[in-house]
Amino acid sequence: MCGNLGLLLVGRDPGLDPVQCIEAMARVVAMRGAQSYGFACASPTSMSMRKAVLVKRDDIAAALSRSLVRGTRRATLKERPFLVSAHLRFATSSRSLAREAHPHAWLGARPTVLADGSAASRLVCLTHNGDFEGLDVGACFGSDAPVMSLGPLRRWCAVRLGASPPSIGDSCVAAGVLELLFAAGDVTASARLACARLDDGRAADPRLRSSAEAALSRSLAELKSVASLFDDAKARAKVEASIAKRLVAARVPLDARETARLAADALGAFGSRDLRTAVFLFLRHAVGAFGVAATTSLAPGAVVLGSVKQPMAFGLGAGFAAYDAGPEKGDLNSSV
């Protein structure tokens, strides 16, 4: 049993103190999780993540607010937009350890290249209350893969992300799926997502995967405009053919059909697989119960919320939006 909570300040609002607001909201949500806590903070200049196990006899709402103050520069608290995406946890599927607390980020902060050619640090975070039991991988990623339970899915994600999971809980696996699905405007992530559909044998071949991802990344980084391609089928087909030629030149050992599919998938992901779409696809094809909040350093003024078989309340006010896992809207309104 866990609880999401968060606050997004989007303007020079009516003097809301994010630390005080989060502490008040945490007191409402504390009944859903009082063993560990964590949060991600995002602003136009930075994004960070902290999590910890509650010390004996401490108050979880106060501990969360203290950690927020210690882990965030005072100037950052005054930036707008400013987002705090937090989570309180009771351990159910894993031990109450800091690494099992939320938010989860399978890859952590990684360098990437954006559509405009600029370098950026990418961090994708997920908080989740509920139970994640499995995923229809084929339907979610457009492949022939079967429905997978958590064990096989964890291994499937590890191969395609090129990294072992940082924790063992079900929510970390969900974060890994989201890490793969979110790719829009991100050269590296789009190439990685296109290669995710490769069968296990070829996906596990580091030389094949790295050469394919490198060729795709170079092609995407050279694009001048992506949006216009989706309105012009001929122009898009020409770009896809150019990307496929680069894959052939890189001697990626795929047949012509697979090469064309890889080029089309990379371009499609680059232009349209935003965070909202990624969360929608995940929830549509996942098995379990979910209240999720997804955030990324690439869009610091946004949080994507989703709910399936789990309560999620949200409120809007002058210059702010807030959400939590409380079943009653009144709970949220009274806290902020």
C-alpha atoms as a PDB file:
ATOM      1  CA  MET A   1       0.000   0.000   0.000  1.00  0.00           C
ATOM      2  CA  CYS A   2       1.529   3.302  -1.098  1.00  0.00           C
ATOM      3  CA  GLY A   3       0.576   6.870  -1.847  1.00  0.00           C
ATOM      4  CA  ASN A   4       1.484   9.338  -4.587  1.00  0.00           C
ATOM      5  CA  LEU A   5       1.416  13.064  -3.966  1.00  0.00           C
ATOM      6  CA  GLY A   6       2.721  16.036  -5.865  1.00  0.00           C
ATOM      7  CA  LEU A   7       2.615  19.759  -6.488  1.00  0.00           C
ATOM      8  CA  LEU A   8       3.274  21.709  -9.682  1.00  0.00           C
ATOM      9  CA  LEU A   9       3.726  25.489  -9.428  1.00  0.00           C
ATOM     10  CA  VAL A  10       3.472  27.079 -12.856  1.00  0.00           C
ATOM     11  CA  GLY A  11       3.401  30.843 -12.272  1.00  0.00           C
ATOM     12  CA  ARG A  12       4.106  33.573  -9.758  1.00  0.00           C
ATOM     13  CA  ASP A  13       1.332  32.070  -7.729  1.00  0.00           C
ATOM     14  CA  PRO A  14      -0.372  33.434  -4.610  1.00  0.00           C
ATOM     15  CA  GLY A  15       2.546  32.826  -2.265  1.00  0.00           C
ATOM     16  CA  LEU A  16       2.290  29.036  -2.000  1.00  0.00           C
ATOM     17  CA  ASP A  17       5.237  27.511  -0.132  1.00  0.00           C
ATOM     18  CA  PRO A  18       5.981  24.163  -1.817  1.00  0.00           C
ATOM     19  CA  VAL A  19       7.598  22.702   1.308  1.00  0.00           C
ATOM     20  CA  GLN A  20       4.642  23.532   3.531  1.00  0.00           C
ATOM     21  CA  CYS A  21       2.174  22.277   0.923  1.00  0.00           C
ATOM     22  CA  ILE A  22       3.957  18.948   0.475  1.00  0.00           C
ATOM     23  CA  GLU A  23       4.137  18.423   4.242  1.00  0.00           C
ATOM     24  CA  ALA A  24       0.409  19.137   4.613  1.00  0.00           C
ATOM     25  CA  MET A  25      -0.434  16.767   1.760  1.00  0.00           C
ATOM     26  CA  ALA A  26       1.858  14.075   3.186  1.00  0.00           C
ATOM     27  CA  ARG A  27      -0.094  14.137   6.450  1.00  0.00           C
ATOM     28  CA  VAL A  28      -3.235  13.283   4.493  1.00  0.00           C
ATOM     29  CA  VAL A  29      -1.553  10.503   2.494  1.00  0.00           C
ATOM     30  CA  ALA A  30       0.524   9.095   5.404  1.00  0.00           C
ATOM     31  CA  MET A  31      -2.044   6.378   6.137  1.00  0.00           C
ATOM     32  CA  ARG A  32      -1.136   4.830   2.759  1.00  0.00           C
ATOM     33  CA  GLY A  33       2.584   4.568   3.459  1.00  0.00           C
ATOM     34  CA  ALA A  34       4.733   5.345   6.485  1.00  0.00           C
ATOM     35  CA  GLN A  35       7.905   3.246   6.128  1.00  0.00           C
ATOM     36  CA  SER A  36       9.831   5.120   3.449  1.00  0.00           C
ATOM     37  CA  TYR A  37       9.537   8.252   1.349  1.00  0.00           C
ATOM     38  CA  GLY A  38      11.040   9.897  -1.673  1.00  0.00           C
ATOM     39  CA  PHE A  39      10.580  12.673  -4.195  1.00  0.00           C
ATOM     40  CA  ALA A  40      11.775  14.112  -7.470  1.00  0.00           C
ATOM     41  CA  CYS A  41      12.102  17.892  -7.901  1.00  0.00           C
ATOM     42  CA  ALA A  42      12.182  19.477 -11.344  1.00  0.00           C
ATOM     43  CA  SER A  43      12.705  23.062 -12.440  1.00  0.00           C
ATOM     44  CA  PRO A  44      13.967  24.684 -15.662  1.00  0.00           C
ATOM     45  CA  THR A  45      17.555  24.459 -14.393  1.00  0.00           C
ATOM     46  CA  SER A  46      17.732  21.088 -12.625  1.00  0.00           C
ATOM     47  CA  MET A  47      16.066  17.824 -11.638  1.00  0.00           C
ATOM     48  CA  SER A  48      17.024  15.711  -8.659  1.00  0.00           C
ATOM     49  CA  MET A  49      15.728  12.671  -6.797  1.00  0.00           C
ATOM     50  CA  ARG A  50      16.005  11.658  -3.137  1.00  0.00           C
ATOM     51  CA  LYS A  51      14.579   8.773  -1.105  1.00  0.00           C
ATOM     52  CA  ALA A  52      15.035   7.302   2.363  1.00  0.00           C
ATOM     53  CA  VAL A  53      13.644   4.913   4.960  1.00  0.00           C
ATOM     54  CA  LEU A  54      11.892   6.595   7.876  1.00  0.00           C
ATOM     55  CA  VAL A  55      13.890   6.666  11.103  1.00  0.00           C
ATOM     56  CA  LYS A  56      12.163   5.054  14.087  1.00  0.00           C
ATOM     57  CA  ARG A  57       9.668   7.371  15.845  1.00  0.00           C
ATOM     58  CA  ASP A  58      10.107  10.097  13.228  1.00  0.00           C
ATOM     59  CA  ASP A  59       7.133  11.753  11.534  1.00  0.00           C
ATOM     60  CA  ILE A  60       7.048  10.902   7.819  1.00  0.00           C
ATOM     61  CA  ALA A  61       5.487  14.204   6.717  1.00  0.00           C
ATOM     62  CA  ALA A  62       8.091  16.200   8.638  1.00  0.00           C
ATOM     63  CA  ALA A  63      10.909  13.940   7.395  1.00  0.00           C
ATOM     64  CA  LEU A  64       9.786  14.448   3.794  1.00  0.00           C
ATOM     65  CA  SER A  65       9.668  18.228   4.130  1.00  0.00           C
ATOM     66  CA  ARG A  66      13.101  18.329   5.829  1.00  0.00           C
ATOM     67  CA  SER A  67      14.579  16.230   3.044  1.00  0.00           C
ATOM     68  CA  LEU A  68      13.020  18.539   0.468  1.00  0.00           C
ATOM     69  CA  VAL A  69      14.652  21.564   2.104  1.00  0.00           C
ATOM     70  CA  ARG A  70      18.050  19.856   2.437  1.00  0.00           C
ATOM     71  CA  GLY A  71      18.031  18.453  -1.083  1.00  0.00           C
ATOM     72  CA  THR A  72      16.841  21.529  -2.971  1.00  0.00           C
ATOM     73  CA  ARG A  73      18.560  24.880  -3.350  1.00  0.00           C
ATOM     74  CA  ARG A  74      16.553  27.814  -2.035  1.00  0.00           C
ATOM     75  CA  ALA A  75      16.734  29.510  -5.424  1.00  0.00           C
ATOM     76  CA  THR A  76      15.337  26.381  -7.084  1.00  0.00           C
ATOM     77  CA  LEU A  77      12.296  26.413  -4.782  1.00  0.00           C
ATOM     78  CA  LYS A  78      11.471  29.852  -6.201  1.00  0.00           C
ATOM     79  CA  GLU A  79      11.796  28.849  -9.862  1.00  0.00           C
ATOM     80  CA  ARG A  80       8.705  28.389 -12.013  1.00  0.00           C
ATOM     81  CA  PRO A  81       7.660  25.935 -13.164  1.00  0.00           C
ATOM     82  CA  PHE A  82       8.616  23.930 -10.101  1.00  0.00           C
ATOM     83  CA  LEU A  83       7.472  20.349  -9.592  1.00  0.00           C
ATOM     84  CA  VAL A  84       7.629  18.050  -6.584  1.00  0.00           C
ATOM     85  CA  SER A  85       6.559  14.463  -7.299  1.00  0.00           C
ATOM     86  CA  ALA A  86       6.612  12.542  -4.021  1.00  0.00           C
ATOM     87  CA  HIS A  87       5.665   9.123  -2.680  1.00  0.00           C
ATOM     88  CA  LEU A  88       5.089   7.430   0.686  1.00  0.00           C
ATOM     89  CA  ARG A  89       5.468   3.642   0.943  1.00  0.00           C
ATOM     90  CA  PHE A  90       4.568   0.578   2.945  1.00  0.00           C
ATOM     91  CA  ALA A  91       6.745  -2.329   1.739  1.00  0.00           C
ATOM     92  CA  THR A  92       4.640  -5.067   0.134  1.00  0.00           C
ATOM     93  CA  SER A  93       6.509  -6.816  -2.691  1.00  0.00           C
ATOM     94  CA  SER A  94      10.026  -6.008  -1.425  1.00  0.00           C
ATOM     95  CA  ARG A  95      11.854  -4.961   1.746  1.00  0.00           C
ATOM     96  CA  SER A  96      11.676  -1.455   3.149  1.00  0.00           C
ATOM     97  CA  LEU A  97      15.009  -0.218   1.819  1.00  0.00           C
ATOM     98  CA  ALA A  98      15.908   3.181   0.396  1.00  0.00           C
ATOM     99  CA  ARG A  99      16.619   1.705  -3.042  1.00  0.00           C
ATOM    100  CA  GLU A 100      13.099   0.208  -3.109  1.00  0.00           C
ATOM    101  CA  ALA A 101      11.470   3.542  -2.244  1.00  0.00           C
ATOM    102  CA  HIS A 102       9.988   5.746  -4.962  1.00  0.00           C
ATOM    103  CA  PRO A 103      10.550   7.511  -7.332  1.00  0.00           C
ATOM    104  CA  HIS A 104      12.079   4.836  -9.550  1.00  0.00           C
ATOM    105  CA  ALA A 105      14.400   5.595 -12.459  1.00  0.00           C
ATOM    106  CA  TRP A 106      15.925   2.515 -14.098  1.00  0.00           C
ATOM    107  CA  LEU A 107      18.737   4.356 -15.903  1.00  0.00           C
ATOM    108  CA  GLY A 108      19.049   7.379 -13.632  1.00  0.00           C
ATOM    109  CA  ALA A 109      20.388  10.574 -15.163  1.00  0.00           C
ATOM    110  CA  ARG A 110      22.014   9.932 -18.556  1.00  0.00           C
ATOM    111  CA  PRO A 111      23.387  12.268 -21.239  1.00  0.00           C
ATOM    112  CA  THR A 112      21.409  12.444 -24.472  1.00  0.00           C
ATOM    113  CA  VAL A 113      21.007  14.532 -27.611  1.00  0.00           C
ATOM    114  CA  LEU A 114      17.775  16.413 -28.357  1.00  0.00           C
ATOM    115  CA  ALA A 115      16.015  17.259 -31.608  1.00  0.00           C
ATOM    116  CA  ASP A 116      17.728  20.654 -31.862  1.00  0.00           C
ATOM    117  CA  GLY A 117      21.149  19.028 -31.548  1.00  0.00           C
ATOM    118  CA  SER A 118      21.740  20.222 -27.995  1.00  0.00           C
ATOM    119  CA  ALA A 119      23.104  17.969 -25.264  1.00  0.00           C
ATOM    120  CA  ALA A 120      20.929  17.343 -22.213  1.00  0.00           C
ATOM    121  CA  SER A 121      20.738  15.230 -19.096  1.00  0.00           C
ATOM    122  CA  ARG A 122      17.740  12.868 -19.235  1.00  0.00           C
ATOM    123  CA  LEU A 123      16.092  11.581 -16.073  1.00  0.00           C
ATOM    124  CA  VAL A 124      12.743   9.753 -16.178  1.00  0.00           C
ATOM    125  CA  CYS A 125      11.055   9.117 -12.825  1.00  0.00           C
ATOM    126  CA  LEU A 126       7.982   7.119 -11.865  1.00  0.00           C
ATOM    127  CA  THR A 127       5.997   6.888  -8.635  1.00  0.00           C
ATOM    128  CA  HIS A 128       3.405   4.121  -8.395  1.00  0.00           C
ATOM    129  CA  ASN A 129       0.855   2.829  -5.955  1.00  0.00           C
ATOM    130  CA  GLY A 130      -0.824  -0.489  -6.672  1.00  0.00           C
ATOM    131  CA  ASP A 131       0.541  -3.771  -8.062  1.00  0.00           C
ATOM    132  CA  PHE A 132       2.249  -4.380 -11.399  1.00  0.00           C
ATOM    133  CA  GLU A 133       1.880  -8.039 -12.371  1.00  0.00           C
ATOM    134  CA  GLY A 134       2.768  -8.250 -16.056  1.00  0.00           C
ATOM    135  CA  LEU A 135       2.733  -6.649 -19.508  1.00  0.00           C
ATOM    136  CA  ASP A 136       1.522  -7.572 -22.986  1.00  0.00           C
ATOM    137  CA  VAL A 137       4.913  -6.765 -24.479  1.00  0.00           C
ATOM    138  CA  GLY A 138       3.922  -7.526 -28.055  1.00  0.00           C
ATOM    139  CA  ALA A 139       0.933  -5.181 -27.995  1.00  0.00           C
ATOM    140  CA  CYS A 140       2.850  -2.468 -26.147  1.00  0.00           C
ATOM    141  CA  PHE A 141       5.950  -2.484 -28.355  1.00  0.00           C
ATOM    142  CA  GLY A 142       4.479  -3.752 -31.632  1.00  0.00           C
ATOM    143  CA  SER A 143       6.376  -7.040 -31.688  1.00  0.00           C
ATOM    144  CA  ASP A 144       5.722 -10.780 -31.502  1.00  0.00           C
ATOM    145  CA  ALA A 145       6.713 -10.946 -27.834  1.00  0.00           C
ATOM    146  CA  PRO A 146       4.251 -12.657 -25.456  1.00  0.00           C
ATOM    147  CA  VAL A 147       2.578 -11.433 -22.302  1.00  0.00           C
ATOM    148  CA  MET A 148       5.309 -11.473 -19.645  1.00  0.00           C
ATOM    149  CA  SER A 149       5.192 -11.720 -15.888  1.00  0.00           C
ATOM    150  CA  LEU A 150       7.606  -9.564 -13.873  1.00  0.00           C
ATOM    151  CA  GLY A 151      10.579 -11.937 -13.898  1.00  0.00           C
ATOM    152  CA  PRO A 152      10.845 -12.348 -17.682  1.00  0.00           C
ATOM    153  CA  LEU A 153       9.880  -8.708 -18.219  1.00  0.00           C
ATOM    154  CA  ARG A 154      12.660  -7.545 -15.895  1.00  0.00           C
ATOM    155  CA  ARG A 155      15.192  -9.527 -17.917  1.00  0.00           C
ATOM    156  CA  TRP A 156      13.691  -8.291 -21.213  1.00  0.00           C
ATOM    157  CA  CYS A 157      14.044  -4.651 -20.113  1.00  0.00           C
ATOM    158  CA  ALA A 158      17.591  -5.174 -18.799  1.00  0.00           C
ATOM    159  CA  VAL A 159      18.752  -6.433 -22.205  1.00  0.00           C
ATOM    160  CA  ARG A 160      17.193  -3.558 -24.120  1.00  0.00           C
ATOM    161  CA  LEU A 161      18.188  -0.829 -21.671  1.00  0.00           C
ATOM    162  CA  GLY A 162      21.713  -2.220 -21.386  1.00  0.00           C
ATOM    163  CA  ALA A 163      21.658  -2.024 -17.584  1.00  0.00           C
ATOM    164  CA  SER A 164      20.516  -4.113 -14.634  1.00  0.00           C
ATOM    165  CA  PRO A 165      17.572  -2.807 -12.568  1.00  0.00           C
ATOM    166  CA  PRO A 166      18.617  -0.724  -9.537  1.00  0.00           C
ATOM    167  CA  SER A 167      15.998  -2.442  -7.336  1.00  0.00           C
ATOM    168  CA  ILE A 168      13.852  -5.586  -7.336  1.00  0.00           C
ATOM    169  CA  GLY A 169      10.302  -4.287  -6.810  1.00  0.00           C
ATOM    170  CA  ASP A 170       7.498  -4.281  -9.350  1.00  0.00           C
ATOM    171  CA  SER A 171       7.493  -0.488  -9.666  1.00  0.00           C
ATOM    172  CA  CYS A 172      11.098  -0.438 -10.851  1.00  0.00           C
ATOM    173  CA  VAL A 173      10.117  -2.733 -13.726  1.00  0.00           C
ATOM    174  CA  ALA A 174       7.316  -0.306 -14.611  1.00  0.00           C
ATOM    175  CA  ALA A 175       9.904   2.490 -14.635  1.00  0.00           C
ATOM    176  CA  GLY A 176      12.046   0.438 -17.020  1.00  0.00           C
ATOM    177  CA  VAL A 177       9.159  -0.018 -19.443  1.00  0.00           C
ATOM    178  CA  LEU A 178       8.455   3.714 -19.311  1.00  0.00           C
ATOM    179  CA  GLU A 179      12.149   4.471 -19.880  1.00  0.00           C
ATOM    180  CA  LEU A 180      11.923   2.555 -23.137  1.00  0.00           C
ATOM    181  CA  LEU A 181       8.556   3.901 -24.294  1.00  0.00           C
ATOM    182  CA  PHE A 182       9.330   7.609 -23.806  1.00  0.00           C
ATOM    183  CA  ALA A 183      11.420   8.788 -26.730  1.00  0.00           C
ATOM    184  CA  ALA A 184      10.000  11.894 -28.460  1.00  0.00           C
ATOM    185  CA  GLY A 185      12.624  14.490 -29.344  1.00  0.00           C
ATOM    186  CA  ASP A 186      15.377  12.324 -27.849  1.00  0.00           C
ATOM    187  CA  VAL A 187      17.881  10.942 -30.363  1.00  0.00           C
ATOM    188  CA  THR A 188      19.327   8.263 -28.073  1.00  0.00           C
ATOM    189  CA  ALA A 189      15.998   7.062 -26.675  1.00  0.00           C
ATOM    190  CA  SER A 190      14.366   6.874 -30.120  1.00  0.00           C
ATOM    191  CA  ALA A 191      17.152   4.662 -31.432  1.00  0.00           C
ATOM    192  CA  ARG A 192      16.909   2.481 -28.322  1.00  0.00           C
ATOM    193  CA  LEU A 193      13.136   2.113 -28.639  1.00  0.00           C
ATOM    194  CA  ALA A 194      13.387   1.144 -32.317  1.00  0.00           C
ATOM    195  CA  CYS A 195      15.811  -1.632 -31.391  1.00  0.00           C
ATOM    196  CA  ALA A 196      13.593  -2.865 -28.533  1.00  0.00           C
ATOM    197  CA  ARG A 197      11.509  -4.879 -31.003  1.00  0.00           C
ATOM    198  CA  LEU A 198      14.467  -7.042 -32.012  1.00  0.00           C
ATOM    199  CA  ASP A 199      14.163 -10.634 -30.851  1.00  0.00           C
ATOM    200  CA  ASP A 200      16.036 -11.641 -27.702  1.00  0.00           C
ATOM    201  CA  GLY A 201      18.978 -13.169 -29.553  1.00  0.00           C
ATOM    202  CA  ARG A 202      19.772 -10.050 -31.567  1.00  0.00           C
ATOM    203  CA  ALA A 203      18.795  -7.606 -28.839  1.00  0.00           C
ATOM    204  CA  ALA A 204      21.284  -9.349 -26.564  1.00  0.00           C
ATOM    205  CA  ASP A 205      24.075  -8.970 -29.151  1.00  0.00           C
ATOM    206  CA  PRO A 206      25.880  -5.839 -27.927  1.00  0.00           C
ATOM    207  CA  ARG A 207      27.729  -5.313 -31.215  1.00  0.00           C
ATOM    208  CA  LEU A 208      24.566  -5.478 -33.331  1.00  0.00           C
ATOM    209  CA  ARG A 209      22.539  -3.317 -30.987  1.00  0.00           C
ATOM    210  CA  SER A 210      25.235  -0.687 -30.495  1.00  0.00           C
ATOM    211  CA  SER A 211      25.930  -0.380 -34.231  1.00  0.00           C
ATOM    212  CA  ALA A 212      22.205  -0.090 -34.999  1.00  0.00           C
ATOM    213  CA  GLU A 213      21.593   2.472 -32.267  1.00  0.00           C
ATOM    214  CA  ALA A 214      24.641   4.511 -33.320  1.00  0.00           C
ATOM    215  CA  ALA A 215      23.529   4.617 -36.969  1.00  0.00           C
ATOM    216  CA  LEU A 216      19.972   5.548 -36.034  1.00  0.00           C
ATOM    217  CA  SER A 217      21.165   8.237 -33.609  1.00  0.00           C
ATOM    218  CA  ARG A 218      23.394   9.878 -36.213  1.00  0.00           C
ATOM    219  CA  SER A 219      20.541   9.921 -38.711  1.00  0.00           C
ATOM    220  CA  LEU A 220      18.036  11.433 -36.286  1.00  0.00           C
ATOM    221  CA  ALA A 221      20.527  14.038 -35.067  1.00  0.00           C
ATOM    222  CA  GLU A 222      20.886  15.354 -38.633  1.00  0.00           C
ATOM    223  CA  LEU A 223      17.163  15.976 -39.170  1.00  0.00           C
ATOM    224  CA  LYS A 224      16.213  19.629 -39.584  1.00  0.00           C
ATOM    225  CA  SER A 225      12.486  19.242 -38.957  1.00  0.00           C
ATOM    226  CA  VAL A 226      10.450  16.307 -37.741  1.00  0.00           C
ATOM    227  CA  ALA A 227       6.904  17.662 -37.372  1.00  0.00           C
ATOM    228  CA  SER A 228       6.567  18.443 -41.083  1.00  0.00           C
ATOM    229  CA  LEU A 229       7.394  14.848 -42.013  1.00  0.00           C
ATOM    230  CA  PHE A 230       4.175  13.585 -40.461  1.00  0.00           C
ATOM    231  CA  ASP A 231       2.156  15.758 -42.849  1.00  0.00           C
ATOM    232  CA  ASP A 232       4.089  14.676 -45.939  1.00  0.00           C
ATOM    233  CA  ALA A 233       4.142  10.922 -46.583  1.00  0.00           C
ATOM    234  CA  LYS A 234       6.598  11.206 -49.475  1.00  0.00           C
ATOM    235  CA  ALA A 235       9.075  13.265 -47.462  1.00  0.00           C
ATOM    236  CA  ARG A 236       8.822  10.845 -44.566  1.00  0.00           C
ATOM    237  CA  ALA A 237       9.382   7.829 -46.828  1.00  0.00           C
ATOM    238  CA  LYS A 238      12.458   9.558 -48.279  1.00  0.00           C
ATOM    239  CA  VAL A 239      13.899  10.136 -44.786  1.00  0.00           C
ATOM    240  CA  GLU A 240      13.157   6.552 -43.753  1.00  0.00           C
ATOM    241  CA  ALA A 241      14.964   5.293 -46.856  1.00  0.00           C
ATOM    242  CA  SER A 242      17.948   7.496 -46.030  1.00  0.00           C
ATOM    243  CA  ILE A 243      18.070   6.126 -42.475  1.00  0.00           C
ATOM    244  CA  ALA A 244      17.844   2.574 -43.804  1.00  0.00           C
ATOM    245  CA  LYS A 245      20.811   3.236 -46.135  1.00  0.00           C
ATOM    246  CA  ARG A 246      22.858   4.382 -43.164  1.00  0.00           C
ATOM    247  CA  LEU A 247      22.031   1.146 -41.346  1.00  0.00           C
ATOM    248  CA  VAL A 248      23.212  -0.818 -44.374  1.00  0.00           C
ATOM    249  CA  ALA A 249      26.388   1.275 -44.584  1.00  0.00           C
ATOM    250  CA  ALA A 250      27.037   0.540 -40.906  1.00  0.00           C
ATOM    251  CA  ARG A 251      26.810  -3.174 -41.767  1.00  0.00           C
ATOM    252  CA  VAL A 252      24.058  -3.843 -39.258  1.00  0.00           C
ATOM    253  CA  PRO A 253      23.249  -7.538 -39.929  1.00  0.00           C
ATOM    254  CA  LEU A 254      19.527  -7.221 -40.677  1.00  0.00           C
ATOM    255  CA  ASP A 255      17.613  -8.042 -43.836  1.00  0.00           C
ATOM    256  CA  ALA A 256      16.027  -5.308 -45.968  1.00  0.00           C
ATOM    257  CA  ARG A 257      12.598  -5.632 -44.366  1.00  0.00           C
ATOM    258  CA  GLU A 258      13.964  -5.401 -40.830  1.00  0.00           C
ATOM    259  CA  THR A 259      16.202  -2.487 -41.757  1.00  0.00           C
ATOM    260  CA  ALA A 260      13.250  -0.557 -43.199  1.00  0.00           C
ATOM    261  CA  ARG A 261      11.168  -1.331 -40.110  1.00  0.00           C
ATOM    262  CA  LEU A 262      13.937  -0.141 -37.789  1.00  0.00           C
ATOM    263  CA  ALA A 263      14.260   3.143 -39.705  1.00  0.00           C
ATOM    264  CA  ALA A 264      10.485   3.750 -39.644  1.00  0.00           C
ATOM    265  CA  ASP A 265      10.216   2.916 -35.937  1.00  0.00           C
ATOM    266  CA  ALA A 266      13.049   5.250 -34.961  1.00  0.00           C
ATOM    267  CA  LEU A 267      11.581   8.149 -36.909  1.00  0.00           C
ATOM    268  CA  GLY A 268       8.096   7.511 -35.532  1.00  0.00           C
ATOM    269  CA  ALA A 269       9.335   7.350 -31.943  1.00  0.00           C
ATOM    270  CA  PHE A 270      11.387  10.515 -32.400  1.00  0.00           C
ATOM    271  CA  GLY A 271       8.379  12.468 -33.611  1.00  0.00           C
ATOM    272  CA  SER A 272       5.503  11.182 -31.525  1.00  0.00           C
ATOM    273  CA  ARG A 273       6.364   8.998 -28.525  1.00  0.00           C
ATOM    274  CA  ASP A 274       6.029  11.670 -25.819  1.00  0.00           C
ATOM    275  CA  LEU A 275       5.680  10.979 -22.104  1.00  0.00           C
ATOM    276  CA  ARG A 276       1.878  11.115 -22.136  1.00  0.00           C
ATOM    277  CA  THR A 277       1.718   8.589 -24.975  1.00  0.00           C
ATOM    278  CA  ALA A 278       4.238   6.371 -23.177  1.00  0.00           C
ATOM    279  CA  VAL A 279       2.180   6.318 -19.968  1.00  0.00           C
ATOM    280  CA  PHE A 280      -1.020   5.647 -21.935  1.00  0.00           C
ATOM    281  CA  LEU A 281       0.543   2.689 -23.761  1.00  0.00           C
ATOM    282  CA  PHE A 282       1.922   1.254 -20.554  1.00  0.00           C
ATOM    283  CA  LEU A 283      -1.381   1.448 -18.676  1.00  0.00           C
ATOM    284  CA  ARG A 284      -3.339   0.116 -21.644  1.00  0.00           C
ATOM    285  CA  HIS A 285      -1.271  -3.063 -21.871  1.00  0.00           C
ATOM    286  CA  ALA A 286      -0.167  -3.611 -18.262  1.00  0.00           C
ATOM    287  CA  VAL A 287      -1.733  -6.133 -15.871  1.00  0.00           C
ATOM    288  CA  GLY A 288      -2.411  -4.928 -12.327  1.00  0.00           C
ATOM    289  CA  ALA A 289      -3.600  -1.856 -10.468  1.00  0.00           C
ATOM    290  CA  PHE A 290      -2.004   1.529 -10.989  1.00  0.00           C
ATOM    291  CA  GLY A 291      -1.900   5.049  -9.728  1.00  0.00           C
ATOM    292  CA  VAL A 292       1.148   6.537 -11.467  1.00  0.00           C
ATOM    293  CA  ALA A 293       2.907   9.872 -11.780  1.00  0.00           C
ATOM    294  CA  ALA A 294       5.623  10.197 -14.435  1.00  0.00           C
ATOM    295  CA  THR A 295       8.087  13.070 -14.706  1.00  0.00           C
ATOM    296  CA  THR A 296      11.190  13.858 -16.727  1.00  0.00           C
ATOM    297  CA  SER A 297      13.993  16.401 -16.739  1.00  0.00           C
ATOM    298  CA  LEU A 298      13.231  16.998 -20.429  1.00  0.00           C
ATOM    299  CA  ALA A 299       9.836  18.530 -19.511  1.00  0.00           C
ATOM    300  CA  PRO A 300      10.248  20.046 -16.029  1.00  0.00           C
ATOM    301  CA  GLY A 301       6.883  21.799 -16.119  1.00  0.00           C
ATOM    302  CA  ALA A 302       4.850  18.645 -16.666  1.00  0.00           C
ATOM    303  CA  VAL A 303       3.685  15.567 -14.787  1.00  0.00           C
ATOM    304  CA  VAL A 304       1.680  12.763 -16.401  1.00  0.00           C
ATOM    305  CA  LEU A 305      -0.868  11.102 -14.119  1.00  0.00           C
ATOM    306  CA  GLY A 306      -2.658   7.825 -14.763  1.00  0.00           C
ATOM    307  CA  SER A 307      -5.030   5.686 -12.754  1.00  0.00           C
ATOM    308  CA  VAL A 308      -6.336   2.141 -13.245  1.00  0.00           C
ATOM    309  CA  LYS A 309      -8.104   0.478 -10.300  1.00  0.00           C
ATOM    310  CA  GLN A 310      -6.429   2.940  -7.898  1.00  0.00           C
ATOM    311  CA  PRO A 311      -7.709   6.258  -6.494  1.00  0.00           C
ATOM    312  CA  MET A 312      -6.166   9.495  -7.701  1.00  0.00           C
ATOM    313  CA  ALA A 313      -7.378  12.944  -6.673  1.00  0.00           C
ATOM    314  CA  PHE A 314      -6.213  16.224  -8.165  1.00  0.00           C
ATOM    315  CA  GLY A 315      -6.945  19.891  -7.764  1.00  0.00           C
ATOM    316  CA  LEU A 316      -6.271  23.052  -9.745  1.00  0.00           C
ATOM    317  CA  GLY A 317      -5.822  26.582  -8.462  1.00  0.00           C
ATOM    318  CA  ALA A 318      -4.321  29.902  -9.428  1.00  0.00           C
ATOM    319  CA  GLY A 319      -0.826  29.036 -10.580  1.00  0.00           C
ATOM    320  CA  PHE A 320      -0.725  25.488  -9.245  1.00  0.00           C
ATOM    321  CA  ALA A 321      -1.884  21.906  -9.718  1.00  0.00           C
ATOM    322  CA  ALA A 322      -1.781  19.242  -7.022  1.00  0.00           C
ATOM    323  CA  TYR A 323      -2.532  15.528  -6.821  1.00  0.00           C
ATOM    324  CA  ASP A 324      -2.512  12.695  -4.305  1.00  0.00           C
ATOM    325  CA  ALA A 325      -3.699   9.130  -3.776  1.00  0.00           C
ATOM    326  CA  GLY A 326      -6.538  10.084  -1.447  1.00  0.00           C
ATOM    327  CA  PRO A 327      -9.945   8.692  -2.436  1.00  0.00           C
ATOM    328  CA  GLU A 328     -11.758  11.896  -1.536  1.00  0.00           C
ATOM    329  CA  LYS A 329     -11.261  15.157  -3.396  1.00  0.00           C
ATOM    330  CA  GLY A 330     -11.958  17.000  -0.153  1.00  0.00           C
ATOM    331  CA  ASP A 331      -8.844  15.531   1.412  1.00  0.00           C
ATOM    332  CA  LEU A 332      -6.660  17.111  -1.231  1.00  0.00           C
ATOM    333  CA  ASN A 333      -8.388  20.478  -1.165  1.00  0.00           C
ATOM    334  CA  SER A 334      -8.131  20.713   2.614  1.00  0.00           C
ATOM    335  CA  SER A 335      -4.396  19.992   2.506  1.00  0.00           C
ATOM    336  CA  VAL A 336      -3.504  22.715  -0.010  1.00  0.00           C
END
